Amino acid sequence: MNRDFSEITSEAAPKFLGDIIRTNRDHAELRLAKTQEIDALIGTIDTTLEAKDEIGNWRIVSLIDKEKQTAQLLLIGDSLTRRHPAITSPIQSIDLVQGLVLTRSRSVYKLGDRGLGEPPEEDLLCLCAALHQWGSGETLGVPHFSY
């Protein structure tokens, strides 16, 4: 039986956050951030800092290191400037009143409309690519996708 590449890619593509990490699940987990994780990062962001981009249809994802019992929160969604999925470095502060996020790399992002539920497939593929770029994709069995 001949199967075309799109069928194989579709089967390999994660359908939800919990399907991205496929090995060493006892070491790491990906899921939507919990309210208390987000609340821990609430703060005021200096409005004199220029926003690098606006992220629409956004979600905050928690990348959990189970061994260290720590979590990094990442903003994922649609870059309104670049018109494709985007992911930020770990979030340092969230200012929901002003609709801003400050990352550890000192970038500021404006928050557009919030997305609901699991991220769309394009965001999941972007997250897979980022995990490989950051050096943890192979260890965690993350499927390979370029973005």
N, C-alpha and C. Protein backbone atom coordinates (compact mmCIF):
# COMPACT_ATOMS: atom_id res chain seq x y z
N MET A 1 0.84 -1.17 0.00
CA MET A 1 0.00 0.00 0.00
C MET A 1 0.89 1.25 0.00
N ASN A 2 0.69 2.11 -0.93
CA ASN A 2 1.44 3.37 -0.98
C ASN A 2 0.71 4.43 -0.18
N ARG A 3 1.45 5.09 0.67
CA ARG A 3 0.90 6.20 1.45
C ARG A 3 1.70 7.44 1.11
N ASP A 4 1.01 8.52 0.95
CA ASP A 4 1.76 9.73 0.62
C ASP A 4 2.30 10.38 1.89
N PHE A 5 3.26 11.28 1.68
CA PHE A 5 3.97 11.92 2.79
C PHE A 5 3.03 12.65 3.74
N SER A 6 2.00 13.29 3.21
CA SER A 6 1.09 14.05 4.08
C SER A 6 0.37 13.15 5.07
N GLU A 7 0.05 11.89 4.66
CA GLU A 7 -0.58 10.96 5.59
C GLU A 7 0.37 10.58 6.71
N ILE A 8 1.64 10.30 6.35
CA ILE A 8 2.63 9.92 7.35
C ILE A 8 2.89 11.09 8.29
N THR A 9 3.05 12.29 7.73
CA THR A 9 3.28 13.48 8.55
C THR A 9 2.11 13.70 9.49
N SER A 10 0.90 13.53 8.98
CA SER A 10 -0.29 13.73 9.79
C SER A 10 -0.32 12.77 10.96
N GLU A 11 0.09 11.52 10.74
CA GLU A 11 0.12 10.53 11.82
C GLU A 11 1.18 10.88 12.86
N ALA A 12 2.32 11.40 12.43
CA ALA A 12 3.41 11.73 13.33
C ALA A 12 3.17 13.02 14.10
N ALA A 13 2.35 13.90 13.54
CA ALA A 13 2.12 15.20 14.17
C ALA A 13 1.36 15.02 15.48
N PRO A 14 1.79 15.75 16.51
CA PRO A 14 1.05 15.68 17.78
C PRO A 14 -0.33 16.32 17.63
N LYS A 15 -1.29 15.76 18.33
CA LYS A 15 -2.66 16.27 18.27
C LYS A 15 -2.98 17.15 19.48
N PHE A 16 -2.16 17.05 20.53
CA PHE A 16 -2.35 17.83 21.74
C PHE A 16 -1.01 17.94 22.46
N LEU A 17 -0.92 18.84 23.43
CA LEU A 17 0.34 19.11 24.13
C LEU A 17 0.94 17.86 24.76
N GLY A 18 0.10 17.03 25.36
CA GLY A 18 0.58 15.82 26.03
C GLY A 18 1.16 14.79 25.09
N ASP A 19 1.00 14.98 23.79
CA ASP A 19 1.51 14.03 22.80
C ASP A 19 2.86 14.48 22.22
N ILE A 20 3.37 15.62 22.65
CA ILE A 20 4.63 16.12 22.10
C ILE A 20 5.82 15.36 22.70
N ILE A 21 5.85 15.22 24.01
CA ILE A 21 6.93 14.49 24.68
C ILE A 21 6.57 13.02 24.63
N ARG A 22 7.42 12.24 23.95
CA ARG A 22 7.08 10.83 23.73
C ARG A 22 8.00 9.85 24.44
N THR A 23 9.13 10.32 24.94
CA THR A 23 10.01 9.47 25.75
C THR A 23 10.43 10.28 26.97
N ASN A 24 10.90 9.60 27.99
CA ASN A 24 11.34 10.24 29.23
C ASN A 24 10.23 11.10 29.84
N ARG A 25 9.00 10.61 29.75
CA ARG A 25 7.87 11.33 30.32
C ARG A 25 7.95 11.42 31.85
N ASP A 26 8.79 10.59 32.44
CA ASP A 26 8.99 10.68 33.88
C ASP A 26 9.89 11.87 34.24
N HIS A 27 10.51 12.48 33.22
CA HIS A 27 11.40 13.63 33.43
C HIS A 27 10.75 14.97 33.06
N ALA A 28 9.82 14.96 32.12
CA ALA A 28 9.26 16.23 31.64
C ALA A 28 7.80 16.06 31.21
N GLU A 29 7.10 17.18 31.22
CA GLU A 29 5.69 17.21 30.83
C GLU A 29 5.37 18.56 30.19
N LEU A 30 4.48 18.55 29.22
CA LEU A 30 3.97 19.76 28.58
C LEU A 30 2.45 19.78 28.75
N ARG A 31 1.94 20.92 29.19
CA ARG A 31 0.49 21.06 29.34
C ARG A 31 0.14 22.54 29.38
N LEU A 32 -1.14 22.83 29.27
CA LEU A 32 -1.58 24.21 29.45
C LEU A 32 -1.25 24.62 30.88
N ALA A 33 -0.80 25.85 31.06
CA ALA A 33 -0.44 26.35 32.38
C ALA A 33 -1.68 26.43 33.27
N LYS A 34 -1.47 26.16 34.52
CA LYS A 34 -2.54 26.25 35.51
C LYS A 34 -2.64 27.70 36.00
N THR A 35 -3.81 28.04 36.48
CA THR A 35 -4.07 29.41 36.96
C THR A 35 -3.04 29.84 37.99
N GLN A 36 -2.70 28.98 38.94
CA GLN A 36 -1.74 29.36 39.98
C GLN A 36 -0.34 29.58 39.42
N GLU A 37 0.02 28.89 38.35
CA GLU A 37 1.33 29.12 37.71
C GLU A 37 1.35 30.50 37.04
N ILE A 38 0.26 30.83 36.38
CA ILE A 38 0.16 32.15 35.74
C ILE A 38 0.13 33.25 36.80
N ASP A 39 -0.67 33.05 37.84
CA ASP A 39 -0.78 34.04 38.91
C ASP A 39 0.57 34.35 39.56
N ALA A 40 1.44 33.34 39.63
CA ALA A 40 2.76 33.53 40.24
C ALA A 40 3.64 34.49 39.43
N LEU A 41 3.29 34.73 38.17
CA LEU A 41 4.09 35.60 37.31
C LEU A 41 3.43 36.96 37.06
N ILE A 42 2.28 37.20 37.68
CA ILE A 42 1.57 38.46 37.48
C ILE A 42 2.41 39.61 38.05
N GLY A 43 2.54 40.65 37.26
CA GLY A 43 3.29 41.83 37.69
C GLY A 43 3.00 42.98 36.74
N THR A 44 3.64 44.08 37.00
CA THR A 44 3.49 45.25 36.14
C THR A 44 4.70 45.33 35.22
N ILE A 45 4.45 45.51 33.94
CA ILE A 45 5.52 45.61 32.95
C ILE A 45 5.65 47.07 32.53
N ASP A 46 6.88 47.53 32.47
CA ASP A 46 7.19 48.92 32.08
C ASP A 46 6.68 49.17 30.67
N THR A 47 5.75 50.10 30.54
CA THR A 47 5.15 50.37 29.23
C THR A 47 6.05 51.18 28.31
N THR A 48 7.22 51.61 28.81
CA THR A 48 8.15 52.31 27.92
C THR A 48 8.92 51.31 27.06
N LEU A 49 8.87 50.03 27.43
CA LEU A 49 9.51 48.99 26.63
C LEU A 49 8.65 48.72 25.40
N GLU A 50 9.27 48.72 24.24
CA GLU A 50 8.51 48.51 23.00
C GLU A 50 8.22 47.03 22.79
N ALA A 51 6.99 46.73 22.43
CA ALA A 51 6.60 45.34 22.16
C ALA A 51 7.26 44.85 20.88
N LYS A 52 7.81 43.66 20.96
CA LYS A 52 8.47 43.03 19.81
C LYS A 52 7.44 42.56 18.79
N ASP A 53 6.28 42.14 19.29
CA ASP A 53 5.25 41.57 18.42
C ASP A 53 3.94 41.50 19.22
N GLU A 54 2.87 41.24 18.50
CA GLU A 54 1.60 40.95 19.14
C GLU A 54 1.27 39.50 18.85
N ILE A 55 0.87 38.78 19.88
CA ILE A 55 0.55 37.36 19.74
C ILE A 55 -0.96 37.20 19.92
N GLY A 56 -1.61 36.69 18.88
CA GLY A 56 -3.04 36.43 18.91
C GLY A 56 -3.31 34.95 19.09
N ASN A 57 -4.53 34.61 19.42
CA ASN A 57 -4.93 33.22 19.64
C ASN A 57 -3.92 32.53 20.57
N TRP A 58 -3.53 33.25 21.63
CA TRP A 58 -2.43 32.81 22.48
C TRP A 58 -2.88 31.87 23.59
N ARG A 59 -1.90 31.10 24.03
CA ARG A 59 -2.04 30.21 25.17
C ARG A 59 -0.73 30.26 25.94
N ILE A 60 -0.80 29.97 27.21
CA ILE A 60 0.41 29.85 28.01
C ILE A 60 0.58 28.37 28.34
N VAL A 61 1.75 27.87 27.98
CA VAL A 61 2.06 26.45 28.11
C VAL A 61 3.10 26.29 29.22
N SER A 62 2.95 25.24 29.99
CA SER A 62 3.88 24.93 31.06
C SER A 62 4.77 23.76 30.64
N LEU A 63 6.08 24.00 30.62
CA LEU A 63 7.07 22.95 30.36
C LEU A 63 7.65 22.59 31.72
N ILE A 64 7.32 21.41 32.19
CA ILE A 64 7.66 21.00 33.55
C ILE A 64 8.86 20.07 33.55
N ASP A 65 9.85 20.39 34.37
CA ASP A 65 10.99 19.52 34.64
C ASP A 65 10.64 18.78 35.92
N LYS A 66 10.24 17.52 35.79
CA LYS A 66 9.77 16.76 36.94
C LYS A 66 10.89 16.45 37.93
N GLU A 67 12.11 16.32 37.45
CA GLU A 67 13.23 16.02 38.34
C GLU A 67 13.56 17.22 39.23
N LYS A 68 13.58 18.41 38.65
CA LYS A 68 13.88 19.62 39.42
C LYS A 68 12.64 20.22 40.07
N GLN A 69 11.48 19.69 39.70
CA GLN A 69 10.19 20.18 40.17
C GLN A 69 10.04 21.68 39.91
N THR A 70 10.34 22.05 38.65
CA THR A 70 10.21 23.44 38.21
C THR A 70 9.39 23.47 36.93
N ALA A 71 8.86 24.65 36.63
CA ALA A 71 8.09 24.83 35.40
C ALA A 71 8.53 26.12 34.73
N GLN A 72 8.61 26.08 33.42
CA GLN A 72 8.83 27.28 32.62
C GLN A 72 7.55 27.51 31.84
N LEU A 73 7.05 28.74 31.88
CA LEU A 73 5.85 29.07 31.13
C LEU A 73 6.25 29.75 29.83
N LEU A 74 5.63 29.31 28.74
CA LEU A 74 5.92 29.80 27.41
C LEU A 74 4.64 30.35 26.79
N LEU A 75 4.76 31.42 26.05
CA LEU A 75 3.63 31.98 25.32
C LEU A 75 3.69 31.45 23.90
N ILE A 76 2.59 30.83 23.45
CA ILE A 76 2.52 30.38 22.06
C ILE A 76 1.26 30.96 21.44
N GLY A 77 1.31 31.15 20.13
CA GLY A 77 0.15 31.68 19.42
C GLY A 77 0.55 32.16 18.05
N ASP A 78 -0.24 33.07 17.50
CA ASP A 78 -0.02 33.57 16.15
C ASP A 78 0.67 34.93 16.20
N SER A 79 1.84 35.00 15.58
CA SER A 79 2.53 36.29 15.45
C SER A 79 1.74 37.13 14.46
N LEU A 80 1.27 38.27 14.92
CA LEU A 80 0.50 39.13 14.03
C LEU A 80 1.41 39.93 13.10
N THR A 81 2.68 40.09 13.48
CA THR A 81 3.64 40.78 12.63
C THR A 81 4.18 39.86 11.54
N ARG A 82 4.60 38.67 11.94
CA ARG A 82 5.22 37.73 11.00
C ARG A 82 4.21 36.80 10.33
N ARG A 83 3.00 36.79 10.83
CA ARG A 83 1.91 36.00 10.25
C ARG A 83 2.18 34.49 10.21
N HIS A 84 2.73 33.97 11.31
CA HIS A 84 2.90 32.53 11.45
C HIS A 84 2.96 32.20 12.94
N PRO A 85 2.89 30.93 13.30
CA PRO A 85 2.94 30.57 14.71
C PRO A 85 4.24 31.06 15.36
N ALA A 86 4.14 31.38 16.64
CA ALA A 86 5.30 31.88 17.38
C ALA A 86 5.31 31.30 18.78
N ILE A 87 6.51 31.20 19.33
CA ILE A 87 6.71 30.77 20.70
C ILE A 87 7.76 31.68 21.31
N THR A 88 7.58 32.03 22.57
CA THR A 88 8.53 32.91 23.22
C THR A 88 9.49 32.11 24.09
N SER A 89 10.54 32.77 24.53
CA SER A 89 11.38 32.22 25.58
C SER A 89 10.53 32.21 26.86
N PRO A 90 11.02 31.58 27.92
CA PRO A 90 10.20 31.51 29.15
C PRO A 90 9.74 32.89 29.63
N ILE A 91 8.54 32.92 30.14
CA ILE A 91 7.92 34.15 30.61
C ILE A 91 8.50 34.53 31.97
N GLN A 92 8.83 35.79 32.11
CA GLN A 92 9.31 36.32 33.38
C GLN A 92 8.17 37.01 34.13
N SER A 93 7.33 37.73 33.39
CA SER A 93 6.24 38.49 34.01
C SER A 93 5.06 38.60 33.05
N ILE A 94 3.86 38.62 33.63
CA ILE A 94 2.63 38.76 32.85
C ILE A 94 1.85 39.93 33.43
N ASP A 95 1.48 40.86 32.58
CA ASP A 95 0.68 42.01 33.00
C ASP A 95 -0.64 41.93 32.24
N LEU A 96 -1.63 41.28 32.84
CA LEU A 96 -2.90 41.08 32.17
C LEU A 96 -3.70 42.37 32.05
N VAL A 97 -3.46 43.31 32.95
CA VAL A 97 -4.17 44.60 32.90
C VAL A 97 -3.78 45.34 31.62
N GLN A 98 -2.48 45.38 31.32
CA GLN A 98 -2.00 46.07 30.12
C GLN A 98 -1.92 45.15 28.91
N GLY A 99 -2.12 43.84 29.13
CA GLY A 99 -2.06 42.89 28.03
C GLY A 99 -0.64 42.72 27.50
N LEU A 100 0.33 42.54 28.41
CA LEU A 100 1.73 42.41 28.03
C LEU A 100 2.38 41.21 28.71
N VAL A 101 3.39 40.67 28.04
CA VAL A 101 4.22 39.60 28.60
C VAL A 101 5.67 40.02 28.43
N LEU A 102 6.47 39.81 29.48
CA LEU A 102 7.91 40.04 29.43
C LEU A 102 8.59 38.69 29.56
N THR A 103 9.51 38.39 28.64
CA THR A 103 10.20 37.10 28.68
C THR A 103 11.57 37.25 29.34
N ARG A 104 12.17 36.11 29.64
CA ARG A 104 13.51 36.12 30.25
C ARG A 104 14.55 36.75 29.34
N SER A 105 14.30 36.70 28.04
CA SER A 105 15.23 37.32 27.10
C SER A 105 14.99 38.83 26.98
N ARG A 106 14.10 39.35 27.83
CA ARG A 106 13.77 40.79 27.93
C ARG A 106 12.94 41.29 26.75
N SER A 107 12.28 40.39 26.03
CA SER A 107 11.37 40.80 24.97
C SER A 107 9.98 41.00 25.56
N VAL A 108 9.27 42.00 25.03
CA VAL A 108 7.91 42.28 25.45
C VAL A 108 6.98 41.92 24.29
N TYR A 109 5.89 41.25 24.64
CA TYR A 109 4.89 40.87 23.64
C TYR A 109 3.54 41.41 24.09
N LYS A 110 2.80 41.95 23.13
CA LYS A 110 1.44 42.40 23.38
C LYS A 110 0.52 41.19 23.19
N LEU A 111 -0.45 41.06 24.06
CA LEU A 111 -1.40 39.95 23.97
C LEU A 111 -2.61 40.37 23.16
N GLY A 112 -2.89 39.62 22.10
CA GLY A 112 -4.11 39.82 21.32
C GLY A 112 -5.22 38.99 21.95
N ASP A 113 -6.08 38.44 21.11
CA ASP A 113 -7.16 37.59 21.60
C ASP A 113 -6.61 36.30 22.16
N ARG A 114 -7.17 35.86 23.29
CA ARG A 114 -6.74 34.62 23.93
C ARG A 114 -7.41 33.43 23.24
N GLY A 115 -6.64 32.37 23.04
CA GLY A 115 -7.18 31.13 22.49
C GLY A 115 -7.74 30.26 23.60
N LEU A 116 -8.61 29.36 23.24
CA LEU A 116 -9.22 28.45 24.22
C LEU A 116 -8.86 27.02 23.91
N GLY A 117 -8.65 26.23 24.94
CA GLY A 117 -8.39 24.81 24.78
C GLY A 117 -7.01 24.52 24.24
N GLU A 118 -6.84 23.31 23.74
CA GLU A 118 -5.55 22.87 23.20
C GLU A 118 -5.13 23.77 22.04
N PRO A 119 -3.83 24.00 21.90
CA PRO A 119 -3.35 24.81 20.77
C PRO A 119 -3.62 24.12 19.43
N PRO A 120 -3.76 24.90 18.37
CA PRO A 120 -3.95 24.31 17.05
C PRO A 120 -2.67 23.58 16.61
N GLU A 121 -2.83 22.71 15.61
CA GLU A 121 -1.72 21.87 15.15
C GLU A 121 -0.49 22.70 14.77
N GLU A 122 -0.68 23.85 14.13
CA GLU A 122 0.46 24.66 13.71
C GLU A 122 1.29 25.10 14.91
N ASP A 123 0.63 25.42 16.01
CA ASP A 123 1.35 25.82 17.23
C ASP A 123 2.09 24.63 17.84
N LEU A 124 1.47 23.46 17.79
CA LEU A 124 2.13 22.26 18.31
C LEU A 124 3.38 21.94 17.51
N LEU A 125 3.30 22.08 16.19
CA LEU A 125 4.48 21.83 15.35
C LEU A 125 5.57 22.85 15.62
N CYS A 126 5.18 24.09 15.84
CA CYS A 126 6.13 25.15 16.19
C CYS A 126 6.83 24.82 17.51
N LEU A 127 6.07 24.34 18.46
CA LEU A 127 6.63 23.95 19.77
C LEU A 127 7.60 22.78 19.61
N CYS A 128 7.26 21.81 18.77
CA CYS A 128 8.18 20.70 18.49
C CYS A 128 9.51 21.22 17.94
N ALA A 129 9.42 22.09 16.94
CA ALA A 129 10.62 22.66 16.33
C ALA A 129 11.45 23.42 17.36
N ALA A 130 10.79 24.20 18.21
CA ALA A 130 11.50 24.98 19.23
C ALA A 130 12.22 24.07 20.23
N LEU A 131 11.58 22.99 20.66
CA LEU A 131 12.21 22.08 21.60
C LEU A 131 13.47 21.45 21.01
N HIS A 132 13.43 21.16 19.72
CA HIS A 132 14.64 20.64 19.07
C HIS A 132 15.70 21.73 18.97
N GLN A 133 15.29 22.93 18.61
CA GLN A 133 16.23 24.04 18.50
C GLN A 133 16.89 24.33 19.86
N TRP A 134 16.14 24.20 20.93
CA TRP A 134 16.66 24.46 22.27
C TRP A 134 17.47 23.31 22.83
N GLY A 135 17.51 22.17 22.12
CA GLY A 135 18.37 21.06 22.52
C GLY A 135 17.74 19.96 23.35
N SER A 136 16.46 20.02 23.62
CA SER A 136 15.84 18.98 24.44
C SER A 136 14.91 18.06 23.64
N GLY A 137 14.69 18.35 22.39
CA GLY A 137 13.75 17.57 21.59
C GLY A 137 14.12 16.12 21.44
N GLU A 138 15.37 15.84 21.15
CA GLU A 138 15.82 14.46 20.94
C GLU A 138 15.65 13.63 22.21
N THR A 139 16.11 14.16 23.34
CA THR A 139 16.03 13.46 24.62
C THR A 139 14.60 13.14 25.01
N LEU A 140 13.67 14.04 24.66
CA LEU A 140 12.28 13.87 25.05
C LEU A 140 11.44 13.16 23.99
N GLY A 141 12.07 12.72 22.90
CA GLY A 141 11.34 12.01 21.86
C GLY A 141 10.33 12.86 21.11
N VAL A 142 10.62 14.14 21.02
CA VAL A 142 9.73 15.08 20.33
C VAL A 142 9.82 14.84 18.82
N PRO A 143 8.69 14.72 18.13
CA PRO A 143 8.75 14.52 16.68
C PRO A 143 9.45 15.70 15.99
N HIS A 144 10.16 15.41 14.91
CA HIS A 144 10.90 16.44 14.17
C HIS A 144 10.00 17.14 13.18
N PHE A 145 9.93 18.47 13.30
CA PHE A 145 9.24 19.31 12.32
C PHE A 145 10.02 20.59 12.23
N SER A 146 10.15 21.11 11.03
CA SER A 146 10.83 22.39 10.83
C SER A 146 9.79 23.49 10.77
N TYR A 147 10.17 24.64 11.26
CA TYR A 147 9.27 25.79 11.18
C TYR A 147 10.05 27.01 10.87
